[in-house]
């Protein structure tokens, strides 16, 4: 198991623990529905990180780029959970109008949640695109198409 596998696995296990603990907070936050969203996002994110760890050798990248992709996904998932947790605690709704319906936070709170969700989304989008590209290299699509 290389450093990226261990980092993804460790980040996934730690996020699983955080997600389980977040579940205890659901009834204590300003917006319990958003608290449930934070709890579920952490659990799902943890499973994604652990699945990536198990299949990390399937992605073909240059060494530095592979580490950057892994870090992008880890940071994106953690930021996503954090933004949802803050939205639950503060009762913000502009970035999450469905789960936040009927709630409103202070302008600075809304801004922090919006920026955090945006950065997390960009990181996860970039990481997902890179993962698809790395997976495509590993299955060598061109070779398979040429064989047909």
N, C-alpha and C. Protein backbone atom coordinates (compact mmCIF):
# COMPACT_ATOMS: atom_id res chain seq x y z
N UNK A 1 0.86 -1.17 0.00
CA UNK A 1 0.00 0.00 0.00
C UNK A 1 0.91 1.24 0.00
N UNK A 2 0.72 2.11 -1.00
CA UNK A 2 1.56 3.31 -1.07
C UNK A 2 0.96 4.46 -0.26
N UNK A 3 1.67 5.58 -0.28
CA UNK A 3 1.27 6.73 0.55
C UNK A 3 -0.11 7.26 0.18
N UNK A 4 -0.44 7.29 -1.12
CA UNK A 4 -1.75 7.80 -1.52
C UNK A 4 -2.87 6.88 -1.03
N UNK A 5 -2.65 5.55 -1.17
CA UNK A 5 -3.65 4.60 -0.67
C UNK A 5 -3.90 4.82 0.82
N UNK A 6 -2.82 4.91 1.57
CA UNK A 6 -2.93 5.08 3.03
C UNK A 6 -3.61 6.41 3.38
N UNK A 7 -3.27 7.46 2.65
CA UNK A 7 -3.87 8.77 2.91
C UNK A 7 -5.38 8.73 2.63
N UNK A 8 -5.76 8.13 1.50
CA UNK A 8 -7.18 8.03 1.17
C UNK A 8 -7.93 7.17 2.18
N UNK A 9 -7.33 6.04 2.55
CA UNK A 9 -7.97 5.15 3.52
C UNK A 9 -8.08 5.82 4.89
N UNK A 10 -7.01 6.44 5.35
CA UNK A 10 -7.04 7.13 6.64
C UNK A 10 -8.04 8.27 6.66
N UNK A 11 -8.05 9.06 5.58
CA UNK A 11 -9.01 10.17 5.49
C UNK A 11 -10.44 9.65 5.47
N UNK A 12 -10.65 8.51 4.80
CA UNK A 12 -11.98 7.93 4.75
C UNK A 12 -12.45 7.41 6.10
N UNK A 13 -11.56 6.71 6.79
CA UNK A 13 -11.93 6.18 8.12
C UNK A 13 -12.19 7.32 9.10
N UNK A 14 -11.33 8.36 9.05
CA UNK A 14 -11.52 9.50 9.96
C UNK A 14 -12.83 10.23 9.64
N UNK A 15 -13.14 10.39 8.34
CA UNK A 15 -14.39 11.06 7.97
C UNK A 15 -15.59 10.21 8.37
N UNK A 16 -15.46 8.90 8.32
CA UNK A 16 -16.54 8.04 8.79
C UNK A 16 -16.82 8.30 10.27
N UNK A 17 -15.76 8.39 11.06
CA UNK A 17 -15.92 8.70 12.48
C UNK A 17 -16.58 10.07 12.68
N UNK A 18 -16.11 11.07 11.93
CA UNK A 18 -16.70 12.41 12.01
C UNK A 18 -18.17 12.38 11.62
N UNK A 19 -18.47 11.63 10.57
CA UNK A 19 -19.86 11.53 10.12
C UNK A 19 -20.76 10.89 11.16
N UNK A 20 -20.26 9.85 11.81
CA UNK A 20 -21.05 9.20 12.86
C UNK A 20 -21.27 10.15 14.03
N UNK A 21 -20.23 10.89 14.39
CA UNK A 21 -20.38 11.87 15.48
C UNK A 21 -21.32 13.01 15.09
N UNK A 22 -21.29 13.39 13.82
CA UNK A 22 -22.20 14.43 13.33
C UNK A 22 -23.65 13.99 13.50
N UNK A 23 -23.88 12.69 13.38
CA UNK A 23 -25.23 12.17 13.56
C UNK A 23 -25.80 12.46 14.94
N UNK A 24 -24.93 12.52 15.95
CA UNK A 24 -25.38 12.84 17.30
C UNK A 24 -25.81 14.30 17.43
N UNK A 25 -25.33 15.15 16.52
CA UNK A 25 -25.63 16.58 16.60
C UNK A 25 -26.92 16.98 15.89
N UNK A 26 -27.50 16.07 15.14
CA UNK A 26 -28.63 16.42 14.28
C UNK A 26 -29.73 17.17 15.03
N UNK A 27 -30.10 16.73 16.19
CA UNK A 27 -31.19 17.38 16.92
C UNK A 27 -30.73 18.63 17.67
N UNK A 28 -29.41 18.87 17.71
CA UNK A 28 -28.89 20.00 18.48
C UNK A 28 -28.61 21.25 17.64
N UNK A 29 -28.64 21.13 16.31
CA UNK A 29 -28.29 22.26 15.46
C UNK A 29 -29.52 23.10 15.11
N UNK A 30 -29.28 24.28 14.60
CA UNK A 30 -30.36 25.20 14.23
C UNK A 30 -31.29 24.58 13.19
N UNK A 31 -30.72 23.92 12.19
CA UNK A 31 -31.50 23.29 11.13
C UNK A 31 -31.20 21.79 11.10
N UNK A 32 -32.04 20.99 11.78
CA UNK A 32 -31.78 19.55 11.85
C UNK A 32 -31.75 18.85 10.48
N UNK A 33 -32.56 19.33 9.55
CA UNK A 33 -32.56 18.73 8.20
C UNK A 33 -31.19 18.88 7.55
N UNK A 34 -30.57 20.04 7.74
CA UNK A 34 -29.23 20.27 7.19
C UNK A 34 -28.21 19.46 7.99
N UNK A 35 -28.46 19.26 9.26
CA UNK A 35 -27.59 18.41 10.07
C UNK A 35 -27.58 16.98 9.55
N UNK A 36 -28.75 16.50 9.16
CA UNK A 36 -28.84 15.17 8.55
C UNK A 36 -28.06 15.14 7.23
N UNK A 37 -28.15 16.22 6.46
CA UNK A 37 -27.40 16.30 5.19
C UNK A 37 -25.90 16.23 5.45
N UNK A 38 -25.42 16.92 6.47
CA UNK A 38 -24.00 16.89 6.81
C UNK A 38 -23.58 15.48 7.24
N UNK A 39 -24.41 14.86 8.05
CA UNK A 39 -24.14 13.49 8.51
C UNK A 39 -24.03 12.54 7.32
N UNK A 40 -25.01 12.58 6.42
CA UNK A 40 -25.02 11.68 5.27
C UNK A 40 -23.89 11.99 4.29
N UNK A 41 -23.58 13.27 4.10
CA UNK A 41 -22.48 13.64 3.21
C UNK A 41 -21.16 13.09 3.73
N UNK A 42 -20.96 13.12 5.03
CA UNK A 42 -19.72 12.60 5.61
C UNK A 42 -19.64 11.08 5.44
N UNK A 43 -20.73 10.39 5.69
CA UNK A 43 -20.73 8.93 5.55
C UNK A 43 -20.49 8.54 4.10
N UNK A 44 -21.18 9.19 3.17
CA UNK A 44 -21.00 8.87 1.76
C UNK A 44 -19.61 9.25 1.27
N UNK A 45 -19.12 10.39 1.72
CA UNK A 45 -17.77 10.81 1.36
C UNK A 45 -16.72 9.84 1.88
N UNK A 46 -16.93 9.35 3.09
CA UNK A 46 -16.00 8.38 3.68
C UNK A 46 -15.97 7.10 2.85
N UNK A 47 -17.13 6.64 2.43
CA UNK A 47 -17.19 5.43 1.61
C UNK A 47 -16.50 5.65 0.26
N UNK A 48 -16.67 6.83 -0.31
CA UNK A 48 -16.00 7.15 -1.57
C UNK A 48 -14.48 7.12 -1.39
N UNK A 49 -13.98 7.74 -0.34
CA UNK A 49 -12.54 7.75 -0.10
C UNK A 49 -11.99 6.35 0.10
N UNK A 50 -12.71 5.52 0.84
CA UNK A 50 -12.24 4.16 1.07
C UNK A 50 -12.29 3.34 -0.22
N UNK A 51 -13.31 3.56 -1.05
CA UNK A 51 -13.39 2.86 -2.33
C UNK A 51 -12.26 3.30 -3.26
N UNK A 52 -11.97 4.59 -3.28
CA UNK A 52 -10.85 5.08 -4.08
C UNK A 52 -9.54 4.46 -3.61
N UNK A 53 -9.37 4.37 -2.30
CA UNK A 53 -8.16 3.77 -1.75
C UNK A 53 -8.01 2.33 -2.23
N UNK A 54 -9.09 1.59 -2.22
CA UNK A 54 -9.03 0.19 -2.63
C UNK A 54 -8.72 0.03 -4.11
N UNK A 55 -9.05 1.04 -4.91
CA UNK A 55 -8.86 0.95 -6.36
C UNK A 55 -7.83 1.94 -6.89
N UNK A 56 -7.04 2.53 -6.01
CA UNK A 56 -6.13 3.61 -6.39
C UNK A 56 -5.13 3.19 -7.45
N UNK A 57 -4.69 1.95 -7.43
CA UNK A 57 -3.70 1.49 -8.40
C UNK A 57 -4.28 1.42 -9.82
N UNK A 58 -5.60 1.48 -9.95
CA UNK A 58 -6.24 1.44 -11.27
C UNK A 58 -6.09 2.75 -12.03
N UNK A 59 -5.77 3.83 -11.32
CA UNK A 59 -5.66 5.14 -11.97
C UNK A 59 -4.21 5.38 -12.37
N UNK A 60 -4.01 5.74 -13.62
CA UNK A 60 -2.66 5.94 -14.16
C UNK A 60 -2.39 7.44 -14.33
N UNK A 61 -1.50 7.98 -13.51
CA UNK A 61 -1.08 9.37 -13.55
C UNK A 61 0.42 9.43 -13.30
N UNK A 62 0.96 10.62 -13.58
CA UNK A 62 2.31 10.88 -13.10
C UNK A 62 2.22 10.96 -11.58
N UNK A 63 3.32 10.60 -10.90
CA UNK A 63 3.30 10.49 -9.44
C UNK A 63 2.81 11.76 -8.74
N UNK A 64 3.37 12.92 -9.10
CA UNK A 64 2.95 14.17 -8.43
C UNK A 64 1.49 14.50 -8.71
N UNK A 65 1.08 14.28 -9.94
CA UNK A 65 -0.30 14.58 -10.31
C UNK A 65 -1.27 13.67 -9.58
N UNK A 66 -0.90 12.41 -9.42
CA UNK A 66 -1.76 11.46 -8.72
C UNK A 66 -1.97 11.89 -7.27
N UNK A 67 -0.91 12.34 -6.63
CA UNK A 67 -1.03 12.83 -5.25
C UNK A 67 -1.92 14.07 -5.19
N UNK A 68 -1.80 14.95 -6.18
CA UNK A 68 -2.62 16.17 -6.22
C UNK A 68 -4.09 15.83 -6.42
N UNK A 69 -4.38 14.84 -7.24
CA UNK A 69 -5.76 14.42 -7.46
C UNK A 69 -6.34 13.86 -6.16
N UNK A 70 -5.60 13.00 -5.50
CA UNK A 70 -6.06 12.44 -4.23
C UNK A 70 -6.32 13.51 -3.19
N UNK A 71 -5.40 14.46 -3.10
CA UNK A 71 -5.56 15.56 -2.15
C UNK A 71 -6.76 16.43 -2.50
N UNK A 72 -6.97 16.67 -3.77
CA UNK A 72 -8.12 17.47 -4.21
C UNK A 72 -9.43 16.81 -3.79
N UNK A 73 -9.52 15.51 -3.96
CA UNK A 73 -10.74 14.79 -3.58
C UNK A 73 -10.92 14.81 -2.06
N UNK A 74 -9.86 14.55 -1.32
CA UNK A 74 -9.95 14.56 0.14
C UNK A 74 -10.39 15.93 0.65
N UNK A 75 -9.72 16.98 0.20
CA UNK A 75 -10.05 18.34 0.65
C UNK A 75 -11.48 18.70 0.25
N UNK A 76 -11.85 18.36 -0.98
CA UNK A 76 -13.20 18.68 -1.46
C UNK A 76 -14.28 18.02 -0.61
N UNK A 77 -14.09 16.76 -0.29
CA UNK A 77 -15.10 16.04 0.52
C UNK A 77 -15.18 16.60 1.93
N UNK A 78 -14.02 16.87 2.54
CA UNK A 78 -14.03 17.43 3.89
C UNK A 78 -14.65 18.84 3.91
N UNK A 79 -14.33 19.65 2.93
CA UNK A 79 -14.91 21.00 2.87
C UNK A 79 -16.42 20.94 2.66
N UNK A 80 -16.86 19.98 1.86
CA UNK A 80 -18.29 19.83 1.61
C UNK A 80 -19.02 19.51 2.91
N UNK A 81 -18.46 18.55 3.67
CA UNK A 81 -19.07 18.22 4.97
C UNK A 81 -19.06 19.43 5.90
N UNK A 82 -17.94 20.14 5.95
CA UNK A 82 -17.83 21.30 6.83
C UNK A 82 -18.85 22.38 6.47
N UNK A 83 -19.02 22.64 5.19
CA UNK A 83 -19.98 23.65 4.76
C UNK A 83 -21.40 23.26 5.18
N UNK A 84 -21.76 22.00 5.00
CA UNK A 84 -23.09 21.56 5.39
C UNK A 84 -23.27 21.61 6.91
N UNK A 85 -22.24 21.28 7.64
CA UNK A 85 -22.32 21.35 9.10
C UNK A 85 -22.50 22.80 9.56
N UNK A 86 -21.72 23.70 8.98
CA UNK A 86 -21.87 25.13 9.33
C UNK A 86 -23.26 25.63 8.97
N UNK A 87 -23.76 25.20 7.81
CA UNK A 87 -25.12 25.61 7.41
C UNK A 87 -26.15 25.10 8.42
N UNK A 88 -25.94 23.90 8.94
CA UNK A 88 -26.85 23.34 9.94
C UNK A 88 -26.78 24.11 11.25
N UNK A 89 -25.56 24.41 11.68
CA UNK A 89 -25.37 25.11 12.96
C UNK A 89 -25.91 26.53 12.89
N UNK A 90 -25.60 27.24 11.79
CA UNK A 90 -25.98 28.66 11.66
C UNK A 90 -27.37 28.85 11.08
N UNK A 91 -27.93 27.83 10.47
CA UNK A 91 -29.25 27.98 9.85
C UNK A 91 -29.21 28.80 8.57
N UNK A 92 -28.15 28.66 7.79
CA UNK A 92 -28.07 29.40 6.53
C UNK A 92 -28.89 28.68 5.47
N UNK A 93 -29.24 29.42 4.40
CA UNK A 93 -30.09 28.80 3.37
C UNK A 93 -29.78 29.24 1.94
N UNK A 94 -29.01 30.29 1.73
CA UNK A 94 -28.81 30.77 0.37
C UNK A 94 -28.10 29.77 -0.52
N UNK A 95 -27.12 29.06 -0.01
CA UNK A 95 -26.39 28.07 -0.81
C UNK A 95 -27.15 26.76 -0.91
N UNK A 96 -28.07 26.52 0.01
CA UNK A 96 -28.83 25.26 0.05
C UNK A 96 -30.31 25.58 0.29
N UNK A 97 -30.98 26.13 -0.72
CA UNK A 97 -32.36 26.62 -0.50
C UNK A 97 -33.39 25.54 -0.18
N UNK A 98 -33.18 24.31 -0.61
CA UNK A 98 -34.18 23.28 -0.33
C UNK A 98 -34.07 22.81 1.13
N UNK A 99 -32.90 22.36 1.54
CA UNK A 99 -32.72 21.89 2.92
C UNK A 99 -32.73 23.05 3.91
N UNK A 100 -32.44 24.27 3.42
CA UNK A 100 -32.40 25.42 4.30
C UNK A 100 -33.67 26.25 4.31
N UNK A 101 -34.70 25.76 3.65
CA UNK A 101 -35.96 26.52 3.55
C UNK A 101 -36.48 26.90 4.93
N UNK A 102 -36.82 28.16 5.08
CA UNK A 102 -37.34 28.66 6.35
C UNK A 102 -36.28 29.15 7.31
N UNK A 103 -35.00 29.07 6.92
CA UNK A 103 -33.90 29.50 7.77
C UNK A 103 -33.12 30.60 7.08
N UNK A 104 -32.45 31.42 7.86
CA UNK A 104 -31.58 32.46 7.31
C UNK A 104 -30.50 32.77 8.33
N UNK A 105 -29.26 32.79 7.86
CA UNK A 105 -28.14 33.13 8.72
C UNK A 105 -27.72 34.56 8.49
N UNK A 106 -26.78 35.03 9.27
CA UNK A 106 -26.21 36.36 9.06
C UNK A 106 -25.50 36.37 7.71
N UNK A 107 -25.34 37.56 7.15
CA UNK A 107 -24.73 37.69 5.82
C UNK A 107 -23.34 37.04 5.78
N UNK A 108 -22.52 37.24 6.81
CA UNK A 108 -21.17 36.67 6.81
C UNK A 108 -21.22 35.15 6.89
N UNK A 109 -22.23 34.61 7.60
CA UNK A 109 -22.37 33.16 7.69
C UNK A 109 -22.79 32.58 6.33
N UNK A 110 -23.73 33.25 5.69
CA UNK A 110 -24.17 32.81 4.36
C UNK A 110 -22.99 32.83 3.38
N UNK A 111 -22.16 33.85 3.48
CA UNK A 111 -20.99 33.99 2.59
C UNK A 111 -19.99 32.86 2.83
N UNK A 112 -19.70 32.57 4.09
CA UNK A 112 -18.75 31.50 4.41
C UNK A 112 -19.24 30.16 3.87
N UNK A 113 -20.52 29.87 4.08
CA UNK A 113 -21.08 28.60 3.59
C UNK A 113 -21.04 28.55 2.06
N UNK A 114 -21.40 29.65 1.41
CA UNK A 114 -21.41 29.70 -0.05
C UNK A 114 -19.99 29.50 -0.62
N UNK A 115 -19.02 30.20 -0.06
CA UNK A 115 -17.64 30.09 -0.55
C UNK A 115 -17.11 28.68 -0.30
N UNK A 116 -17.36 28.14 0.88
CA UNK A 116 -16.86 26.80 1.20
C UNK A 116 -17.49 25.75 0.29
N UNK A 117 -18.78 25.84 0.04
CA UNK A 117 -19.43 24.89 -0.86
C UNK A 117 -18.91 25.03 -2.29
N UNK A 118 -18.66 26.27 -2.71
CA UNK A 118 -18.15 26.50 -4.06
C UNK A 118 -16.75 25.93 -4.23
N UNK A 119 -15.87 26.19 -3.28
CA UNK A 119 -14.50 25.65 -3.34
C UNK A 119 -14.53 24.13 -3.31
N UNK A 120 -15.36 23.56 -2.44
CA UNK A 120 -15.47 22.10 -2.35
C UNK A 120 -15.97 21.52 -3.67
N UNK A 121 -16.97 22.15 -4.26
CA UNK A 121 -17.54 21.65 -5.51
C UNK A 121 -16.53 21.72 -6.65
N UNK A 122 -15.77 22.80 -6.72
CA UNK A 122 -14.75 22.93 -7.77
C UNK A 122 -13.67 21.87 -7.58
N UNK A 123 -13.22 21.67 -6.34
CA UNK A 123 -12.21 20.65 -6.07
C UNK A 123 -12.68 19.26 -6.41
N UNK A 124 -13.92 18.93 -6.05
CA UNK A 124 -14.46 17.61 -6.36
C UNK A 124 -14.71 17.42 -7.85
N UNK A 125 -15.14 18.48 -8.52
CA UNK A 125 -15.34 18.39 -9.96
C UNK A 125 -14.01 18.15 -10.67
N UNK A 126 -13.00 18.94 -10.30
CA UNK A 126 -11.67 18.77 -10.91
C UNK A 126 -11.11 17.38 -10.61
N UNK A 127 -11.26 16.93 -9.38
CA UNK A 127 -10.78 15.61 -9.01
C UNK A 127 -11.50 14.51 -9.76
N UNK A 128 -12.80 14.65 -9.94
CA UNK A 128 -13.59 13.64 -10.66
C UNK A 128 -13.19 13.56 -12.12
N UNK A 129 -13.00 14.71 -12.74
CA UNK A 129 -12.57 14.74 -14.15
C UNK A 129 -11.19 14.10 -14.28
N UNK A 130 -10.29 14.43 -13.37
CA UNK A 130 -8.95 13.84 -13.41
C UNK A 130 -9.01 12.33 -13.19
N UNK A 131 -9.86 11.88 -12.28
CA UNK A 131 -10.00 10.44 -12.05
C UNK A 131 -10.50 9.73 -13.30
N UNK A 132 -11.47 10.32 -13.98
CA UNK A 132 -11.95 9.72 -15.22
C UNK A 132 -10.84 9.63 -16.26
N UNK A 133 -10.05 10.70 -16.36
CA UNK A 133 -8.93 10.71 -17.30
C UNK A 133 -7.91 9.64 -16.92
N UNK A 134 -7.60 9.52 -15.65
CA UNK A 134 -6.64 8.51 -15.19
C UNK A 134 -7.15 7.10 -15.37
N UNK A 135 -8.44 6.92 -15.22
CA UNK A 135 -9.01 5.59 -15.44
C UNK A 135 -9.00 5.25 -16.91
N UNK A 136 -9.29 6.26 -17.75
CA UNK A 136 -9.24 6.05 -19.20
C UNK A 136 -7.86 5.62 -19.66
N UNK A 137 -6.83 6.21 -19.08
CA UNK A 137 -5.46 5.82 -19.42
C UNK A 137 -5.18 4.39 -19.00
N UNK A 138 -5.75 3.97 -17.87
CA UNK A 138 -5.44 2.64 -17.37
C UNK A 138 -6.12 1.55 -18.21
N UNK A 139 -7.26 1.84 -18.81
CA UNK A 139 -7.92 0.82 -19.63
C UNK A 139 -7.56 0.98 -21.10
N UNK A 140 -6.81 2.05 -21.41
CA UNK A 140 -6.32 2.30 -22.75
C UNK A 140 -7.43 2.17 -23.79
N UNK A 141 -8.34 3.11 -23.75
CA UNK A 141 -9.52 3.11 -24.60
C UNK A 141 -9.16 3.02 -26.08
N UNK A 142 -8.16 3.75 -26.52
CA UNK A 142 -7.79 3.76 -27.94
C UNK A 142 -7.41 2.35 -28.42
N UNK A 143 -6.67 1.64 -27.62
CA UNK A 143 -6.27 0.29 -28.02
C UNK A 143 -7.49 -0.60 -28.16
N UNK A 144 -8.42 -0.50 -27.24
CA UNK A 144 -9.62 -1.33 -27.30
C UNK A 144 -10.49 -0.97 -28.49
N UNK A 145 -10.58 0.32 -28.81
CA UNK A 145 -11.38 0.74 -29.97
C UNK A 145 -10.74 0.24 -31.26
N UNK A 146 -9.42 0.32 -31.34
CA UNK A 146 -8.72 -0.12 -32.54
C UNK A 146 -8.84 -1.61 -32.76
N UNK A 147 -9.03 -2.38 -31.69
CA UNK A 147 -9.19 -3.83 -31.83
C UNK A 147 -10.53 -4.20 -32.41
N UNK A 148 -11.50 -3.31 -32.32
CA UNK A 148 -12.86 -3.62 -32.78
C UNK A 148 -12.96 -3.61 -34.26
